[in-house]
Amino acid sequence: MTKADIVNQIAETTGIEKVAVQATVEAFMKTVKDSLMSGEPVYLRGFGSFIIKHRAEKKGRNISRNATIVIPAHNIPAFKPAKSFQSQVKKKVK
């Protein structure tokens, strides 16, 4: 499902114009991004959490050069689904 599909489905379900739904979805995504970039997680009860995970420094291999490289420590955004959401998906998807 793409962002356009989400906008279309919300517009059909609620009866709100697609332009307004598009602006709302864009604003939601921007708010989540801004919050994560400032180091603040986003919690959506019953859905899940958008969090920042820290990855430690580690060694990797450059196969083409047959050399060891160091991958520096870094932070990445992650999504952790709520337990109720996760159990619903497990029941429905085989």
N, C-alpha and C. Protein backbone atom coordinates (compact mmCIF):
# COMPACT_ATOMS: atom_id res chain seq x y z
N MET A 1 0.85 -1.17 0.00
CA MET A 1 0.00 0.00 0.00
C MET A 1 0.89 1.24 0.00
N THR A 2 0.59 2.17 -0.87
CA THR A 2 1.37 3.40 -0.97
C THR A 2 0.66 4.53 -0.22
N LYS A 3 1.35 5.67 -0.14
CA LYS A 3 0.75 6.84 0.50
C LYS A 3 -0.51 7.28 -0.24
N ALA A 4 -0.49 7.20 -1.56
CA ALA A 4 -1.67 7.57 -2.35
C ALA A 4 -2.84 6.64 -2.04
N ASP A 5 -2.55 5.35 -1.87
CA ASP A 5 -3.60 4.40 -1.51
C ASP A 5 -4.19 4.72 -0.14
N ILE A 6 -3.35 5.10 0.80
CA ILE A 6 -3.81 5.47 2.14
C ILE A 6 -4.71 6.69 2.05
N VAL A 7 -4.28 7.69 1.30
CA VAL A 7 -5.08 8.92 1.13
C VAL A 7 -6.43 8.59 0.51
N ASN A 8 -6.42 7.77 -0.54
CA ASN A 8 -7.67 7.41 -1.21
C ASN A 8 -8.62 6.67 -0.27
N GLN A 9 -8.09 5.72 0.49
CA GLN A 9 -8.93 4.94 1.39
C GLN A 9 -9.52 5.79 2.51
N ILE A 10 -8.71 6.68 3.09
CA ILE A 10 -9.21 7.57 4.14
C ILE A 10 -10.28 8.51 3.58
N ALA A 11 -10.04 9.04 2.38
CA ALA A 11 -11.00 9.95 1.75
C ALA A 11 -12.33 9.24 1.49
N GLU A 12 -12.28 7.99 1.02
CA GLU A 12 -13.50 7.23 0.78
C GLU A 12 -14.23 6.91 2.08
N THR A 13 -13.49 6.53 3.11
CA THR A 13 -14.09 6.14 4.38
C THR A 13 -14.73 7.32 5.10
N THR A 14 -14.05 8.47 5.10
CA THR A 14 -14.52 9.60 5.88
C THR A 14 -15.35 10.60 5.09
N GLY A 15 -15.21 10.60 3.77
CA GLY A 15 -15.93 11.57 2.96
C GLY A 15 -15.23 12.91 2.88
N ILE A 16 -14.02 12.99 3.41
CA ILE A 16 -13.23 14.23 3.36
C ILE A 16 -12.52 14.28 2.00
N GLU A 17 -12.33 15.50 1.48
CA GLU A 17 -11.66 15.66 0.19
C GLU A 17 -10.24 15.13 0.25
N LYS A 18 -9.79 14.58 -0.88
CA LYS A 18 -8.45 13.99 -0.96
C LYS A 18 -7.35 15.01 -0.65
N VAL A 19 -7.54 16.24 -1.06
CA VAL A 19 -6.53 17.29 -0.82
C VAL A 19 -6.33 17.50 0.68
N ALA A 20 -7.43 17.53 1.42
CA ALA A 20 -7.34 17.72 2.87
C ALA A 20 -6.71 16.51 3.54
N VAL A 21 -7.07 15.32 3.07
CA VAL A 21 -6.49 14.09 3.64
C VAL A 21 -4.99 14.04 3.33
N GLN A 22 -4.62 14.40 2.11
CA GLN A 22 -3.20 14.43 1.72
C GLN A 22 -2.42 15.36 2.63
N ALA A 23 -2.95 16.55 2.88
CA ALA A 23 -2.27 17.53 3.74
C ALA A 23 -2.14 16.98 5.16
N THR A 24 -3.17 16.30 5.64
CA THR A 24 -3.14 15.73 6.99
C THR A 24 -2.11 14.63 7.10
N VAL A 25 -2.07 13.74 6.12
CA VAL A 25 -1.09 12.65 6.13
C VAL A 25 0.33 13.21 6.06
N GLU A 26 0.56 14.20 5.20
CA GLU A 26 1.88 14.83 5.09
C GLU A 26 2.27 15.49 6.41
N ALA A 27 1.33 16.18 7.06
CA ALA A 27 1.61 16.84 8.33
C ALA A 27 1.94 15.82 9.41
N PHE A 28 1.22 14.69 9.43
CA PHE A 28 1.49 13.63 10.40
C PHE A 28 2.90 13.09 10.21
N MET A 29 3.26 12.79 8.95
CA MET A 29 4.59 12.24 8.68
C MET A 29 5.68 13.24 9.05
N LYS A 30 5.47 14.52 8.76
CA LYS A 30 6.46 15.54 9.10
C LYS A 30 6.61 15.66 10.61
N THR A 31 5.50 15.59 11.34
CA THR A 31 5.55 15.68 12.79
C THR A 31 6.32 14.51 13.39
N VAL A 32 6.08 13.30 12.87
CA VAL A 32 6.79 12.12 13.36
C VAL A 32 8.29 12.25 13.06
N LYS A 33 8.63 12.67 11.85
CA LYS A 33 10.04 12.85 11.48
C LYS A 33 10.72 13.88 12.36
N ASP A 34 10.08 15.03 12.55
CA ASP A 34 10.66 16.10 13.37
C ASP A 34 10.86 15.64 14.81
N SER A 35 9.89 14.91 15.33
CA SER A 35 9.99 14.42 16.70
C SER A 35 11.16 13.45 16.84
N LEU A 36 11.30 12.53 15.91
CA LEU A 36 12.39 11.55 15.97
C LEU A 36 13.75 12.23 15.78
N MET A 37 13.81 13.23 14.90
CA MET A 37 15.08 13.93 14.69
C MET A 37 15.51 14.71 15.93
N SER A 38 14.54 15.11 16.75
CA SER A 38 14.89 15.80 17.99
C SER A 38 15.13 14.82 19.13
N GLY A 39 15.04 13.51 18.83
CA GLY A 39 15.32 12.49 19.84
C GLY A 39 14.13 12.10 20.69
N GLU A 40 12.94 12.54 20.32
CA GLU A 40 11.74 12.27 21.10
C GLU A 40 10.91 11.18 20.41
N PRO A 41 10.63 10.05 21.09
CA PRO A 41 9.81 9.00 20.48
C PRO A 41 8.34 9.41 20.35
N VAL A 42 7.62 8.73 19.46
CA VAL A 42 6.20 8.98 19.25
C VAL A 42 5.44 7.72 19.64
N TYR A 43 4.51 7.83 20.59
CA TYR A 43 3.72 6.70 21.06
C TYR A 43 2.28 6.85 20.61
N LEU A 44 1.77 5.86 19.90
CA LEU A 44 0.38 5.85 19.45
C LEU A 44 -0.29 4.63 20.09
N ARG A 45 -1.06 4.86 21.13
CA ARG A 45 -1.69 3.78 21.89
C ARG A 45 -2.55 2.91 20.98
N GLY A 46 -2.33 1.60 21.08
CA GLY A 46 -3.08 0.64 20.28
C GLY A 46 -2.51 0.41 18.89
N PHE A 47 -1.53 1.21 18.49
CA PHE A 47 -0.92 1.07 17.17
C PHE A 47 0.54 0.70 17.28
N GLY A 48 1.33 1.54 17.97
CA GLY A 48 2.75 1.25 18.14
C GLY A 48 3.54 2.50 18.44
N SER A 49 4.86 2.35 18.43
CA SER A 49 5.77 3.44 18.78
C SER A 49 6.81 3.63 17.68
N PHE A 50 7.05 4.87 17.34
CA PHE A 50 8.17 5.23 16.47
C PHE A 50 9.29 5.65 17.41
N ILE A 51 10.41 4.93 17.36
CA ILE A 51 11.50 5.16 18.31
C ILE A 51 12.82 5.29 17.56
N ILE A 52 13.84 5.72 18.29
CA ILE A 52 15.20 5.78 17.77
C ILE A 52 15.99 4.64 18.40
N LYS A 53 16.63 3.81 17.57
CA LYS A 53 17.47 2.73 18.08
C LYS A 53 18.93 3.11 17.84
N HIS A 54 19.76 2.80 18.82
CA HIS A 54 21.19 3.09 18.71
C HIS A 54 21.90 1.83 18.24
N ARG A 55 22.70 1.94 17.23
CA ARG A 55 23.52 0.83 16.74
C ARG A 55 24.96 1.09 17.15
N ALA A 56 25.57 0.12 17.80
CA ALA A 56 26.95 0.26 18.27
C ALA A 56 27.91 0.14 17.09
N GLU A 57 29.11 0.62 17.30
CA GLU A 57 30.16 0.49 16.29
C GLU A 57 30.46 -0.99 16.10
N LYS A 58 30.69 -1.39 14.83
CA LYS A 58 31.01 -2.79 14.58
C LYS A 58 31.93 -2.91 13.37
N LYS A 59 32.51 -4.08 13.23
CA LYS A 59 33.40 -4.35 12.10
C LYS A 59 32.61 -5.05 11.01
N GLY A 60 32.91 -4.67 9.77
CA GLY A 60 32.28 -5.27 8.61
C GLY A 60 33.33 -5.64 7.59
N ARG A 61 32.89 -6.24 6.48
CA ARG A 61 33.82 -6.65 5.43
C ARG A 61 33.43 -6.00 4.11
N ASN A 62 34.44 -5.46 3.42
CA ASN A 62 34.26 -5.02 2.04
C ASN A 62 34.72 -6.19 1.18
N ILE A 63 33.76 -6.93 0.65
CA ILE A 63 34.07 -8.18 -0.05
C ILE A 63 34.88 -7.94 -1.32
N SER A 64 34.58 -6.86 -2.05
CA SER A 64 35.29 -6.61 -3.30
C SER A 64 36.78 -6.31 -3.08
N ARG A 65 37.11 -5.68 -1.97
CA ARG A 65 38.52 -5.35 -1.68
C ARG A 65 39.13 -6.32 -0.67
N ASN A 66 38.31 -7.22 -0.12
CA ASN A 66 38.74 -8.18 0.90
C ASN A 66 39.40 -7.45 2.07
N ALA A 67 38.70 -6.42 2.55
CA ALA A 67 39.25 -5.60 3.63
C ALA A 67 38.22 -5.48 4.76
N THR A 68 38.73 -5.31 5.96
CA THR A 68 37.86 -5.08 7.11
C THR A 68 37.63 -3.58 7.24
N ILE A 69 36.38 -3.20 7.47
CA ILE A 69 36.04 -1.80 7.66
C ILE A 69 35.33 -1.64 9.00
N VAL A 70 35.36 -0.43 9.52
CA VAL A 70 34.66 -0.13 10.77
C VAL A 70 33.40 0.67 10.43
N ILE A 71 32.28 0.13 10.87
CA ILE A 71 31.01 0.83 10.68
C ILE A 71 30.76 1.63 11.96
N PRO A 72 30.72 2.95 11.88
CA PRO A 72 30.61 3.76 13.08
C PRO A 72 29.25 3.59 13.78
N ALA A 73 29.21 3.94 15.06
CA ALA A 73 27.96 3.92 15.81
C ALA A 73 27.00 4.93 15.20
N HIS A 74 25.72 4.59 15.17
CA HIS A 74 24.73 5.49 14.58
C HIS A 74 23.35 5.20 15.14
N ASN A 75 22.44 6.13 14.92
CA ASN A 75 21.05 5.98 15.35
C ASN A 75 20.18 5.77 14.12
N ILE A 76 19.14 4.92 14.28
CA ILE A 76 18.21 4.68 13.18
C ILE A 76 16.78 4.75 13.70
N PRO A 77 15.84 5.21 12.86
CA PRO A 77 14.44 5.19 13.28
C PRO A 77 13.91 3.76 13.19
N ALA A 78 12.98 3.43 14.08
CA ALA A 78 12.38 2.10 14.08
C ALA A 78 10.92 2.20 14.51
N PHE A 79 10.16 1.18 14.17
CA PHE A 79 8.76 1.11 14.58
C PHE A 79 8.57 -0.15 15.39
N LYS A 80 7.94 -0.01 16.55
CA LYS A 80 7.65 -1.16 17.40
C LYS A 80 6.13 -1.24 17.54
N PRO A 81 5.48 -2.27 16.95
CA PRO A 81 4.03 -2.35 17.01
C PRO A 81 3.53 -2.65 18.42
N ALA A 82 2.32 -2.17 18.72
CA ALA A 82 1.70 -2.46 20.01
C ALA A 82 1.35 -3.94 20.06
N LYS A 83 1.30 -4.52 21.25
CA LYS A 83 1.03 -5.94 21.39
C LYS A 83 -0.34 -6.32 20.81
N SER A 84 -1.35 -5.48 21.04
CA SER A 84 -2.68 -5.79 20.51
C SER A 84 -2.67 -5.77 18.98
N PHE A 85 -1.99 -4.81 18.39
CA PHE A 85 -1.88 -4.70 16.93
C PHE A 85 -1.13 -5.91 16.38
N GLN A 86 -0.05 -6.27 17.04
CA GLN A 86 0.78 -7.38 16.60
C GLN A 86 0.00 -8.70 16.64
N SER A 87 -0.78 -8.91 17.70
CA SER A 87 -1.54 -10.15 17.81
C SER A 87 -2.66 -10.21 16.76
N GLN A 88 -3.27 -9.07 16.43
CA GLN A 88 -4.30 -9.04 15.39
C GLN A 88 -3.72 -9.42 14.04
N VAL A 89 -2.53 -8.91 13.73
CA VAL A 89 -1.90 -9.22 12.45
C VAL A 89 -1.52 -10.71 12.41
N LYS A 90 -1.02 -11.24 13.51
CA LYS A 90 -0.64 -12.66 13.54
C LYS A 90 -1.84 -13.56 13.29
N LYS A 91 -3.00 -13.18 13.80
CA LYS A 91 -4.21 -13.99 13.60
C LYS A 91 -4.71 -13.94 12.15
N LYS A 92 -4.62 -12.77 11.52
CA LYS A 92 -5.18 -12.57 10.19
C LYS A 92 -4.26 -13.05 9.06
N VAL A 93 -2.96 -12.80 9.18
CA VAL A 93 -2.01 -13.11 8.11
C VAL A 93 -1.43 -14.49 8.35
N LYS A 94 -1.53 -15.32 7.35
CA LYS A 94 -1.00 -16.71 7.46
C LYS A 94 0.35 -16.79 6.80
